[in-house]
Structure formats: structure tokens, C-alpha cells
Amino acid sequence: MKKIALAIHGGAGTLLKGMMTAEKEVSYKKTLEAALNAGYNILEHNGNSVDAVVEAVKMLEDSPLFNAGKGSVFTNAGTHEMDAAIMNGGNLEAGAVSLISGIKNPVLLAKDIMGKSEHVFLAGTGAMDYAELLGYKLEPEDYFYDEFRFQQWQEIKDSGNFQLDHSVKKDSKFGTVGAVACDFGGNLAAATSTGGMTNKKFGRIGDSSMIGAGTYANNKTCAVSCTGSGEFFIRAVVAYDVSCLIEFKGLSLKEATEEVVQNRLLSIGGDGGLIAIDAEGNIAMPFNTEGMYRASIDTQGNRNIAIYK
């Protein structure tokens, strides 16, 4: 029987030590730890990797600290448009959803698309119709209201600009969330969820919900969840690229993730990071920014909760 392991992230960006209050740092780490524990508890009790990543991501979606679920940023229209994806490395089944509003936990809808529909990716009104068919309750707008997020939007809403999770504004760091897991059977899974970018227009979709770009899992290679400048992650097909380097070049998980994040992504101007895990429970969490909210429990039970380099 293989050993279990789990890693989660809450976004990468310009996270400089000293630019955050001690109280806020404690809050971030406590939330990361709670999400880590929730997912790991499922693995410990012989649960599967899919359920583990869903539980971990749900916890992060329920926190206003991260740009997903409750903490989702405002669009140009003053609404919230959320994306999520999940993939099962055992059978390569996947579910993804984009441009949805009012759904408390988008990762659950992504899981239902994977398990209950014949499709992989649903978006917009169609995705909302499907959620209604499944009996999802819509949260009121004020559930997603956060004063800090609102002010973040107010600063740029008339400028025509948008702001990424990892923008250079040192006090405006909030990120996409994700989780990767390996269960006792050696089965891998990855899940990612995001509220997109502040002041986004035109139905913009980032990498998080795109299978192969921001989320990917295959028992033969690895499971990956990404965070960063989505357009670059899409162009580089980052999550699948890591898998390909392992499958076709024979690279280790560490070698493959470092090559993609520190070389290939940077070469086209992309910044961010990812978390990845393989069927042996090895974990990699590289990033090319100042920091990345991250936490993990490896096969030896060692815990790591960190923000900065």
C-alpha cells in the first residue's frame, strides 16, 4: 500500500514579508492549516484523493482571505464570476465550470459535472441551468461581498485596467486556490478554484478551469494545480507540460516542475507557481514570484505551511 500526501495553495504573487500585518499572516496560516487538515483527514481514513482535494478547496472557498468562492473579486460590472476544475488521475475524468455566480462552492459543481454529466466543461448560463437542475442553492450577493475586495475594485473600475491576483499592489494579494493529493491506492487528483481578476470584462476565463492549463492529473505522472498570470499558463499549457516532461522525458517531479515554472514560463513573461504531487507521494511547490500561500503534508507526515520564499 502506498503512502498518502496532500498539498494546497492559496495563490502566488508579490508577497513581501513586512507588507502584511502579523495578525493577517496568522489568519492566512490558520486557514491554510484548517484546509490541509480537512483534506488529509479524508486520506487518513482511507478516503480517495478526489474527495480530499474537494474538501480542502471547499475550506479555502469558504474563506474571504482567498480569491475563490466567498472571497471572489469584483468584475467590471460589480458582480462575481467564478471558475473551478477537478481531475481524477485514475481514469482521466475531469469536470470544469466557468463564469458562474451565486454558487458557494464552485469546486462541488465541477465535481458534479465530472461525475453526473456527460460533459467536461460547462460555462455561463448553461452551467447555472445545470446547477439549478441539480438543486444547488444560490447565495445572495451579500454573501460574496467583502469590503476590502470592494475597495480594490473601486480603485480601478473606471480605469479600464484589470488586476491579477498577484498584482504589484503589495496590499492587494489574494489568490486562486487549489489542492493535489495522493491516496493510499496511489491515485492522484487535482482541483483548482478562482474568482478571476478584479475588474475583468468580456467574460474573461483564466487557466484555473482549463484542463491541462491550470489543472491536470494522471496517475502515470502527476497531479498539478496552478496559480498566477492565467493567460501565460494557458499559452504554455503548464499543468500538462509538467506531466509531459515526466512521461516523455523521464524527468522527476521536482525537475519537471522547476523546468516549467523557472524556465519555460518565465521565458514568455509568465509569473506564478504551482503545486504538484506524483503517485509516490512526492510533492513539489515551485514559484517564481516573491511568495505563494502553500501548505503540505508529505508521506512521512511532515507538515509545511508557508507564504514567503
Protein backbone atom coordinates (compact mmCIF):
# COMPACT_ATOMS: atom_id res chain seq x y z
CA MET A 1 0.00 0.00 0.00
CA LYS A 2 1.33 3.43 -0.93
CA LYS A 3 1.62 6.37 1.42
CA ILE A 4 -0.68 9.40 1.40
CA ALA A 5 0.27 13.04 0.80
CA LEU A 6 -1.50 16.34 0.18
CA ALA A 7 -0.56 19.86 -0.90
CA ILE A 8 -2.65 23.02 -1.19
CA HIS A 9 -2.11 26.59 -2.39
CA GLY A 10 -3.87 29.90 -1.98
CA GLY A 11 -2.24 31.91 -4.77
CA ALA A 12 1.18 33.23 -5.74
CA GLY A 13 2.39 36.80 -6.13
CA THR A 14 4.25 39.75 -4.74
CA LEU A 15 4.05 38.60 -1.16
CA LEU A 16 6.72 40.54 0.70
CA LYS A 17 7.42 39.89 4.35
CA GLY A 18 6.70 43.06 6.27
CA MET A 19 3.91 44.18 3.93
CA MET A 20 1.36 42.12 5.86
CA THR A 21 0.29 42.53 9.49
CA ALA A 22 1.23 39.76 11.90
CA GLU A 23 -2.46 39.19 12.60
CA LYS A 24 -3.26 38.75 8.89
CA GLU A 25 -0.37 36.34 8.46
CA VAL A 26 -1.67 34.23 11.34
CA SER A 27 -5.14 34.22 9.75
CA TYR A 28 -3.77 33.02 6.42
CA LYS A 29 -1.73 30.24 8.01
CA LYS A 30 -4.63 29.11 10.23
CA THR A 31 -6.94 28.87 7.22
CA LEU A 32 -4.33 27.00 5.20
CA GLU A 33 -3.82 24.61 8.10
CA ALA A 34 -7.56 24.02 8.51
CA ALA A 35 -7.95 23.26 4.80
CA LEU A 36 -4.91 20.97 4.89
CA ASN A 37 -6.28 19.08 7.88
CA ALA A 38 -9.71 18.70 6.27
CA GLY A 39 -8.30 17.12 3.14
CA TYR A 40 -5.74 14.99 4.95
CA ASN A 41 -8.35 13.65 7.35
CA ILE A 42 -10.14 12.07 4.37
CA LEU A 43 -6.91 10.46 3.14
CA GLU A 44 -6.07 9.18 6.64
CA HIS A 45 -9.42 7.41 6.83
CA ASN A 46 -8.77 5.61 3.54
CA GLY A 47 -10.77 8.13 1.52
CA ASN A 48 -9.97 8.85 -2.11
CA SER A 49 -7.86 11.67 -3.50
CA VAL A 50 -10.80 13.29 -5.34
CA ASP A 51 -12.78 13.76 -2.13
CA ALA A 52 -9.65 15.01 -0.35
CA VAL A 53 -8.90 17.79 -2.84
CA VAL A 54 -12.56 18.81 -2.94
CA GLU A 55 -12.72 19.13 0.84
CA ALA A 56 -9.51 21.15 1.02
CA VAL A 57 -10.59 23.53 -1.75
CA LYS A 58 -14.05 23.92 -0.22
CA MET A 59 -12.46 25.18 3.00
CA LEU A 60 -10.46 27.77 1.07
CA GLU A 61 -13.53 28.80 -0.96
CA ASP A 62 -15.37 29.44 2.31
CA SER A 63 -12.72 31.92 3.48
CA PRO A 64 -12.81 35.60 2.40
CA LEU A 65 -8.99 35.60 2.53
CA PHE A 66 -8.63 33.91 -0.85
CA ASN A 67 -9.88 34.79 -4.33
CA ALA A 68 -12.32 31.90 -4.71
CA GLY A 69 -15.86 31.28 -3.54
CA LYS A 70 -16.72 33.72 -0.76
CA GLY A 71 -13.56 35.79 -1.35
CA SER A 72 -14.06 36.22 -5.09
CA VAL A 73 -13.09 39.60 -6.55
CA PHE A 74 -15.43 42.03 -8.31
CA THR A 75 -15.83 42.12 -12.09
CA ASN A 76 -16.15 45.36 -14.04
CA ALA A 77 -19.93 45.04 -13.71
CA GLY A 78 -19.67 44.71 -9.91
CA THR A 79 -20.55 41.03 -9.95
CA HIS A 80 -18.63 37.84 -9.18
CA GLU A 81 -17.72 35.31 -11.86
CA MET A 82 -16.15 32.11 -10.58
CA ASP A 83 -14.28 29.24 -12.23
CA ALA A 84 -13.26 25.80 -10.96
CA ALA A 85 -11.95 22.47 -12.20
CA ILE A 86 -11.19 18.99 -10.92
CA MET A 87 -9.46 15.96 -12.44
CA ASN A 88 -9.18 12.33 -11.39
CA GLY A 89 -5.78 10.87 -12.25
CA GLY A 90 -7.04 7.30 -12.05
CA ASN A 91 -9.38 7.45 -15.04
CA LEU A 92 -8.61 10.90 -16.52
CA GLU A 93 -12.15 12.05 -15.88
CA ALA A 94 -12.49 15.78 -15.36
CA GLY A 95 -15.07 18.45 -14.63
CA ALA A 96 -14.83 22.19 -15.10
CA VAL A 97 -17.08 25.21 -14.75
CA SER A 98 -16.65 28.88 -15.61
CA LEU A 99 -18.45 32.22 -15.41
CA ILE A 100 -20.84 31.15 -12.65
CA SER A 101 -22.35 33.34 -9.94
CA GLY A 102 -24.03 32.69 -6.61
CA ILE A 103 -22.57 29.19 -6.16
CA LYS A 104 -20.99 28.90 -2.71
CA ASN A 105 -18.56 26.16 -3.68
CA PRO A 106 -17.75 26.08 -7.42
CA VAL A 107 -15.47 23.06 -6.88
CA LEU A 108 -18.54 20.99 -5.95
CA LEU A 109 -20.24 21.90 -9.22
CA ALA A 110 -17.07 20.97 -11.12
CA LYS A 111 -17.10 17.60 -9.35
CA ASP A 112 -20.76 17.06 -10.24
CA ILE A 113 -20.07 17.90 -13.88
CA MET A 114 -17.33 15.26 -13.81
CA GLY A 115 -19.44 12.62 -12.11
CA LYS A 116 -23.02 13.27 -13.14
CA SER A 117 -22.91 14.76 -16.63
CA GLU A 118 -21.54 13.51 -19.95
CA HIS A 119 -19.50 16.69 -20.33
CA VAL A 120 -16.22 18.10 -19.06
CA PHE A 121 -16.66 21.88 -19.23
CA LEU A 122 -19.82 23.97 -18.69
CA ALA A 123 -19.93 27.77 -18.60
CA GLY A 124 -22.20 30.75 -18.03
CA THR A 125 -25.97 30.43 -18.16
CA GLY A 126 -25.78 26.79 -19.22
CA ALA A 127 -23.68 25.93 -16.19
CA MET A 128 -26.12 27.81 -13.97
CA ASP A 129 -29.04 25.90 -15.52
CA TYR A 130 -27.25 22.64 -14.76
CA ALA A 131 -26.61 23.73 -11.17
CA GLU A 132 -30.32 24.50 -10.81
CA LEU A 133 -31.18 21.08 -12.21
CA LEU A 134 -29.00 19.52 -9.50
CA GLY A 135 -30.70 21.59 -6.80
CA TYR A 136 -27.89 23.99 -5.97
CA LYS A 137 -28.94 26.85 -3.71
CA LEU A 138 -27.78 30.29 -4.83
CA GLU A 139 -26.23 32.53 -2.21
CA PRO A 140 -27.34 36.19 -2.12
CA GLU A 141 -24.95 38.83 -3.45
CA ASP A 142 -24.03 39.99 0.04
CA TYR A 143 -22.55 36.56 0.83
CA PHE A 144 -19.76 37.37 -1.62
CA TYR A 145 -19.37 41.00 -0.50
CA ASP A 146 -16.05 41.83 1.12
CA GLU A 147 -15.17 45.46 1.90
CA PHE A 148 -11.50 45.04 1.00
CA ARG A 149 -12.42 43.43 -2.32
CA PHE A 150 -14.90 46.22 -2.98
CA GLN A 151 -12.28 48.92 -2.37
CA GLN A 152 -9.83 47.02 -4.54
CA TRP A 153 -12.36 47.22 -7.37
CA GLN A 154 -13.27 50.87 -6.69
CA GLU A 155 -9.64 51.90 -7.22
CA ILE A 156 -9.54 50.65 -10.80
CA LYS A 157 -13.13 50.18 -12.01
CA ASP A 158 -13.17 53.33 -14.17
CA SER A 159 -9.64 52.95 -15.48
CA GLY A 160 -10.23 50.16 -17.96
CA ASN A 161 -7.48 48.21 -16.24
CA PHE A 162 -7.77 44.86 -14.52
CA GLN A 163 -5.82 43.45 -11.64
CA LEU A 164 -4.42 39.95 -11.32
CA ASP A 165 -4.35 38.05 -8.04
CA HIS A 166 -0.62 38.64 -7.92
CA SER A 167 -0.58 42.30 -8.99
CA VAL A 168 2.25 44.54 -7.84
CA LYS A 169 -0.01 46.30 -5.34
CA LYS A 170 1.61 44.91 -2.23
CA ASP A 171 -1.54 45.11 -0.12
CA SER A 172 -3.83 43.51 -2.66
CA LYS A 173 -2.56 39.96 -2.68
CA PHE A 174 -5.24 37.36 -2.96
CA GLY A 175 -5.11 34.19 -4.96
CA THR A 176 -6.60 31.31 -6.74
CA VAL A 177 -6.84 28.20 -4.54
CA GLY A 178 -6.02 24.59 -5.30
CA ALA A 179 -5.16 21.16 -3.96
CA VAL A 180 -3.40 18.00 -5.12
CA ALA A 181 -3.49 14.63 -3.35
CA CYS A 182 -2.24 11.05 -3.44
CA ASP A 183 -4.35 8.45 -1.63
CA PHE A 184 -3.44 5.01 -0.24
CA GLY A 185 -4.13 3.45 -3.64
CA GLY A 186 -1.63 5.73 -5.33
CA ASN A 187 -4.48 7.57 -7.06
CA LEU A 188 -3.94 11.24 -7.82
CA ALA A 189 -6.35 14.17 -8.06
CA ALA A 190 -6.14 17.92 -8.57
CA ALA A 191 -8.66 20.73 -8.05
CA THR A 192 -8.46 24.49 -8.60
CA SER A 193 -10.93 27.32 -7.93
CA THR A 194 -10.81 31.08 -8.54
CA GLY A 195 -12.76 34.30 -8.64
CA GLY A 196 -10.68 35.53 -11.59
CA MET A 197 -9.26 39.04 -11.78
CA THR A 198 -10.53 42.30 -10.35
CA ASN A 199 -12.43 44.46 -12.89
CA LYS A 200 -12.37 41.73 -15.56
CA LYS A 201 -14.59 42.21 -18.63
CA PHE A 202 -15.93 40.35 -21.64
CA GLY A 203 -16.40 37.01 -19.88
CA ARG A 204 -12.66 36.52 -19.43
CA ILE A 205 -11.67 32.99 -18.43
CA GLY A 206 -8.30 32.18 -16.89
CA ASP A 207 -6.31 28.97 -16.66
CA SER A 208 -7.84 27.58 -13.45
CA SER A 209 -10.81 25.89 -15.10
CA MET A 210 -8.92 24.76 -18.20
CA ILE A 211 -7.89 21.12 -18.02
CA GLY A 212 -4.21 20.93 -18.96
CA ALA A 213 -3.52 24.61 -18.38
CA GLY A 214 -4.27 25.24 -14.71
CA THR A 215 -5.40 21.79 -13.58
CA TYR A 216 -4.31 18.27 -14.54
CA ALA A 217 -3.99 14.79 -13.02
CA ASN A 218 -2.73 11.47 -14.35
CA ASN A 219 -1.69 8.53 -12.17
CA LYS A 220 1.14 7.75 -14.62
CA THR A 221 2.78 11.10 -13.95
CA CYS A 222 1.43 13.68 -11.50
CA ALA A 223 -1.38 15.96 -10.37
CA VAL A 224 -0.97 19.72 -10.77
CA SER A 225 -2.82 22.88 -9.67
CA CYS A 226 -1.54 26.26 -10.86
CA THR A 227 -1.77 29.90 -9.79
CA GLY A 228 -0.50 33.06 -11.45
CA SER A 229 -0.87 35.05 -14.67
CA GLY A 230 -3.54 32.90 -16.28
CA GLU A 231 -3.07 33.98 -19.88
CA PHE A 232 0.54 32.76 -19.80
CA PHE A 233 -0.39 29.48 -18.11
CA ILE A 234 -2.93 28.88 -20.88
CA ARG A 235 -0.40 29.61 -23.64
CA ALA A 236 2.18 27.34 -22.05
CA VAL A 237 -0.35 24.59 -21.17
CA VAL A 238 1.56 24.50 -17.89
CA ALA A 239 -0.13 21.68 -15.95
CA TYR A 240 0.04 19.23 -18.86
CA ASP A 241 3.55 20.34 -19.75
CA VAL A 242 4.76 19.18 -16.33
CA SER A 243 3.10 15.80 -16.93
CA CYS A 244 4.62 15.50 -20.41
CA LEU A 245 8.14 16.14 -19.16
CA ILE A 246 7.73 13.30 -16.68
CA GLU A 247 6.08 10.89 -19.13
CA PHE A 248 8.14 11.50 -22.24
CA LYS A 249 11.43 12.91 -20.94
CA GLY A 250 11.70 10.85 -17.77
CA LEU A 251 12.18 13.87 -15.53
CA SER A 252 11.44 13.66 -11.82
CA LEU A 253 8.56 15.67 -10.38
CA LYS A 254 11.00 18.24 -8.99
CA GLU A 255 12.91 18.53 -12.28
CA ALA A 256 9.75 18.86 -14.37
CA THR A 257 8.09 21.48 -12.18
CA GLU A 258 11.28 23.55 -11.89
CA GLU A 259 11.80 23.46 -15.67
CA VAL A 260 8.26 24.66 -16.36
CA VAL A 261 7.99 27.33 -13.65
CA GLN A 262 11.55 28.69 -13.59
CA ASN A 263 12.40 28.40 -17.28
CA ARG A 264 9.56 27.84 -19.73
CA LEU A 265 7.01 30.08 -18.02
CA LEU A 266 9.47 32.89 -17.33
CA SER A 267 10.73 32.80 -20.91
CA ILE A 268 7.34 34.02 -22.17
CA GLY A 269 6.84 36.53 -19.35
CA GLY A 270 4.59 34.47 -17.10
CA ASP A 271 4.79 34.56 -13.33
CA GLY A 272 3.21 32.43 -10.65
CA GLY A 273 3.61 28.94 -9.28
CA LEU A 274 2.07 25.52 -8.89
CA ILE A 275 1.71 22.59 -6.56
CA ALA A 276 2.23 19.05 -7.81
CA ILE A 277 2.31 15.50 -6.49
CA ASP A 278 3.18 12.12 -8.01
CA ALA A 279 1.95 8.58 -7.33
CA GLU A 280 4.82 8.00 -4.88
CA GLY A 281 3.60 10.96 -2.84
CA ASN A 282 6.49 13.25 -3.78
CA ILE A 283 5.49 16.92 -3.57
CA ALA A 284 6.78 19.98 -5.45
CA MET A 285 5.65 23.59 -4.87
CA PRO A 286 7.81 25.87 -7.06
CA PHE A 287 7.01 29.53 -7.77
CA ASN A 288 8.86 32.39 -9.49
CA THR A 289 7.20 35.22 -7.53
CA GLU A 290 8.00 36.68 -4.11
CA GLY A 291 5.74 34.19 -2.41
CA MET A 292 2.95 31.65 -2.63
CA TYR A 293 0.43 30.70 0.03
CA ARG A 294 1.07 26.97 0.40
CA ALA A 295 0.85 24.02 2.76
CA SER A 296 1.55 20.32 2.57
CA ILE A 297 1.80 17.04 4.46
CA ASP A 298 4.26 14.60 2.90
CA THR A 299 4.40 10.79 3.05
CA GLN A 300 6.37 10.97 6.31
CA GLY A 301 3.71 13.14 7.92
CA ASN A 302 5.91 16.25 7.84
CA ARG A 303 3.92 19.47 7.65
CA ASN A 304 4.88 22.64 5.82
CA ILE A 305 2.85 25.86 5.95
CA ALA A 306 4.48 28.87 4.30
CA ILE A 307 3.91 32.14 2.46
CA TYR A 308 7.28 33.60 1.52
CA LYS A 309 10.35 32.22 -0.22
